[in-house]
Amino acid sequence: MNTPLPLDDVRVLDIGTLIAGPFAATMMGDFGAAVIKVEQPGRGDALRGTPVDDKAGRSGNWRVEARDKQSVTANLRVPEGQALVRELVEQADVLVENFTPGTLER
């Protein structure tokens, strides 16, 4: 018998970077939320590690931080990437970000 978790019906979109934002999304995932992590094309999240041969590394921190998350890439600096994230936001219950104030508005 599987006991439902408190956030089983919650969808989280994680566009945060480094530790604080993604850690919050990870904790929500631990409580059952479905978490989608949006990363930069090519290099991915900074916690993945230094790219080697143009491929992101897999640091221990990344393995902990990304557990149970699904990942997609989107370049938030171009209209197409912004449109993709807007579509994902419409389907999410929670948006996690930890950008400098004003970044999302731009």
C-alpha atoms as a PDB file:
ATOM      1  CA  MET A   1       0.000   0.000   0.000  1.00  0.00           C
ATOM      2  CA  ASN A   2       1.448   3.337  -1.065  1.00  0.00           C
ATOM      3  CA  THR A   3       0.716   6.237   1.215  1.00  0.00           C
ATOM      4  CA  PRO A   4       0.162   9.426  -0.766  1.00  0.00           C
ATOM      5  CA  LEU A   5       2.642  12.212  -0.096  1.00  0.00           C
ATOM      6  CA  PRO A   6       1.450  15.717   0.830  1.00  0.00           C
ATOM      7  CA  LEU A   7       2.422  17.302  -2.515  1.00  0.00           C
ATOM      8  CA  ASP A   8       1.515  14.430  -4.854  1.00  0.00           C
ATOM      9  CA  ASP A   9      -0.810  16.621  -6.949  1.00  0.00           C
ATOM     10  CA  VAL A  10       1.524  19.635  -7.176  1.00  0.00           C
ATOM     11  CA  ARG A  11       3.558  20.591 -10.262  1.00  0.00           C
ATOM     12  CA  VAL A  12       6.678  22.676  -9.682  1.00  0.00           C
ATOM     13  CA  LEU A  13       8.645  24.553 -12.312  1.00  0.00           C
ATOM     14  CA  ASP A  14      12.218  25.153 -11.138  1.00  0.00           C
ATOM     15  CA  ILE A  15      14.049  27.904 -13.029  1.00  0.00           C
ATOM     16  CA  GLY A  16      16.347  28.759 -10.126  1.00  0.00           C
ATOM     17  CA  THR A  17      20.112  28.493 -10.230  1.00  0.00           C
ATOM     18  CA  LEU A  18      22.781  27.172  -7.925  1.00  0.00           C
ATOM     19  CA  ILE A  19      21.541  26.226  -4.491  1.00  0.00           C
ATOM     20  CA  ALA A  20      18.710  28.149  -2.815  1.00  0.00           C
ATOM     21  CA  GLY A  21      15.949  27.981  -5.434  1.00  0.00           C
ATOM     22  CA  PRO A  22      16.681  24.479  -6.701  1.00  0.00           C
ATOM     23  CA  PHE A  23      16.985  23.194  -3.124  1.00  0.00           C
ATOM     24  CA  ALA A  24      13.475  24.439  -2.355  1.00  0.00           C
ATOM     25  CA  ALA A  25      12.174  22.634  -5.439  1.00  0.00           C
ATOM     26  CA  THR A  26      14.055  19.476  -4.430  1.00  0.00           C
ATOM     27  CA  MET A  27      12.385  19.536  -1.018  1.00  0.00           C
ATOM     28  CA  MET A  28       8.978  19.846  -2.692  1.00  0.00           C
ATOM     29  CA  GLY A  29       9.894  16.844  -4.839  1.00  0.00           C
ATOM     30  CA  ASP A  30      10.784  14.895  -1.698  1.00  0.00           C
ATOM     31  CA  PHE A  31       7.204  15.497  -0.552  1.00  0.00           C
ATOM     32  CA  GLY A  32       5.752  14.174  -3.798  1.00  0.00           C
ATOM     33  CA  ALA A  33       5.634  17.159  -6.169  1.00  0.00           C
ATOM     34  CA  ALA A  34       6.441  16.643  -9.842  1.00  0.00           C
ATOM     35  CA  VAL A  35       9.394  18.965 -10.509  1.00  0.00           C
ATOM     36  CA  ILE A  36      10.574  20.184 -13.902  1.00  0.00           C
ATOM     37  CA  LYS A  37      14.016  21.808 -13.877  1.00  0.00           C
ATOM     38  CA  VAL A  38      14.699  24.348 -16.641  1.00  0.00           C
ATOM     39  CA  GLU A  39      18.377  24.642 -17.542  1.00  0.00           C
ATOM     40  CA  GLN A  40      20.477  26.658 -19.946  1.00  0.00           C
ATOM     41  CA  PRO A  41      21.167  24.927 -23.260  1.00  0.00           C
ATOM     42  CA  GLY A  42      24.647  23.476 -23.562  1.00  0.00           C
ATOM     43  CA  ARG A  43      26.091  23.906 -20.096  1.00  0.00           C
ATOM     44  CA  GLY A  44      23.019  23.243 -17.967  1.00  0.00           C
ATOM     45  CA  ASP A  45      22.791  24.327 -14.361  1.00  0.00           C
ATOM     46  CA  ALA A  46      26.014  25.552 -12.759  1.00  0.00           C
ATOM     47  CA  LEU A  47      25.844  22.769 -10.158  1.00  0.00           C
ATOM     48  CA  ARG A  48      26.341  20.165 -12.878  1.00  0.00           C
ATOM     49  CA  GLY A  49      30.029  20.992 -12.799  1.00  0.00           C
ATOM     50  CA  THR A  50      32.613  22.271 -15.221  1.00  0.00           C
ATOM     51  CA  PRO A  51      31.965  21.138 -18.790  1.00  0.00           C
ATOM     52  CA  VAL A  52      34.429  18.564 -20.104  1.00  0.00           C
ATOM     53  CA  ASP A  53      34.606  18.125 -23.877  1.00  0.00           C
ATOM     54  CA  ASP A  54      31.528  20.371 -24.199  1.00  0.00           C
ATOM     55  CA  LYS A  55      29.474  18.083 -21.932  1.00  0.00           C
ATOM     56  CA  ALA A  56      28.333  19.048 -18.456  1.00  0.00           C
ATOM     57  CA  GLY A  57      29.984  17.167 -15.624  1.00  0.00           C
ATOM     58  CA  ARG A  58      28.054  15.338 -12.923  1.00  0.00           C
ATOM     59  CA  SER A  59      29.136  16.711  -9.575  1.00  0.00           C
ATOM     60  CA  GLY A  60      27.985  15.101  -6.343  1.00  0.00           C
ATOM     61  CA  ASN A  61      26.107  18.303  -5.517  1.00  0.00           C
ATOM     62  CA  TRP A  62      24.187  18.034  -8.782  1.00  0.00           C
ATOM     63  CA  ARG A  63      23.207  14.423  -8.133  1.00  0.00           C
ATOM     64  CA  VAL A  64      21.714  15.435  -4.788  1.00  0.00           C
ATOM     65  CA  GLU A  65      20.090  18.644  -6.047  1.00  0.00           C
ATOM     66  CA  ALA A  66      18.550  17.130  -9.191  1.00  0.00           C
ATOM     67  CA  ARG A  67      17.119  13.981  -7.667  1.00  0.00           C
ATOM     68  CA  ASP A  68      13.639  13.121  -8.893  1.00  0.00           C
ATOM     69  CA  LYS A  69      13.535  16.122 -11.265  1.00  0.00           C
ATOM     70  CA  GLN A  70      12.816  16.087 -14.969  1.00  0.00           C
ATOM     71  CA  SER A  71      15.024  18.477 -16.926  1.00  0.00           C
ATOM     72  CA  VAL A  72      14.422  20.560 -20.036  1.00  0.00           C
ATOM     73  CA  THR A  73      16.535  23.252 -21.618  1.00  0.00           C
ATOM     74  CA  ALA A  74      15.376  26.725 -22.585  1.00  0.00           C
ATOM     75  CA  ASN A  75      17.348  29.839 -23.393  1.00  0.00           C
ATOM     76  CA  LEU A  76      15.565  32.491 -21.349  1.00  0.00           C
ATOM     77  CA  ARG A  77      17.431  35.224 -23.235  1.00  0.00           C
ATOM     78  CA  VAL A  78      15.553  34.634 -26.506  1.00  0.00           C
ATOM     79  CA  PRO A  79      11.817  34.916 -27.274  1.00  0.00           C
ATOM     80  CA  GLU A  80      11.440  31.217 -28.149  1.00  0.00           C
ATOM     81  CA  GLY A  81      12.870  30.100 -24.796  1.00  0.00           C
ATOM     82  CA  GLN A  82      10.739  32.619 -22.947  1.00  0.00           C
ATOM     83  CA  ALA A  83       7.626  31.348 -24.729  1.00  0.00           C
ATOM     84  CA  LEU A  84       8.447  27.763 -23.751  1.00  0.00           C
ATOM     85  CA  VAL A  85       8.823  28.727 -20.097  1.00  0.00           C
ATOM     86  CA  ARG A  86       5.555  30.687 -20.192  1.00  0.00           C
ATOM     87  CA  GLU A  87       3.800  27.532 -21.441  1.00  0.00           C
ATOM     88  CA  LEU A  88       5.352  25.499 -18.634  1.00  0.00           C
ATOM     89  CA  VAL A  89       4.336  28.126 -16.059  1.00  0.00           C
ATOM     90  CA  GLU A  90       0.713  27.854 -17.212  1.00  0.00           C
ATOM     91  CA  GLN A  91       0.779  24.142 -16.350  1.00  0.00           C
ATOM     92  CA  ALA A  92       2.585  24.570 -13.009  1.00  0.00           C
ATOM     93  CA  ASP A  93       1.204  25.175  -9.555  1.00  0.00           C
ATOM     94  CA  VAL A  94       4.485  26.617  -8.233  1.00  0.00           C
ATOM     95  CA  LEU A  95       7.289  28.599  -9.873  1.00  0.00           C
ATOM     96  CA  VAL A  96      10.635  28.538  -8.074  1.00  0.00           C
ATOM     97  CA  GLU A  97      13.226  31.146  -9.058  1.00  0.00           C
ATOM     98  CA  ASN A  98      16.023  32.933  -7.262  1.00  0.00           C
ATOM     99  CA  PHE A  99      17.206  35.460  -9.812  1.00  0.00           C
ATOM    100  CA  THR A 100      18.356  38.960  -8.995  1.00  0.00           C
ATOM    101  CA  PRO A 101      15.317  41.214  -8.427  1.00  0.00           C
ATOM    102  CA  GLY A 102      13.934  42.499 -11.729  1.00  0.00           C
ATOM    103  CA  THR A 103      15.342  39.678 -13.874  1.00  0.00           C
ATOM    104  CA  LEU A 104      12.000  37.994 -14.603  1.00  0.00           C
ATOM    105  CA  GLU A 105      10.364  41.307 -15.408  1.00  0.00           C
ATOM    106  CA  ARG A 106      13.013  41.944 -18.062  1.00  0.00           C
END
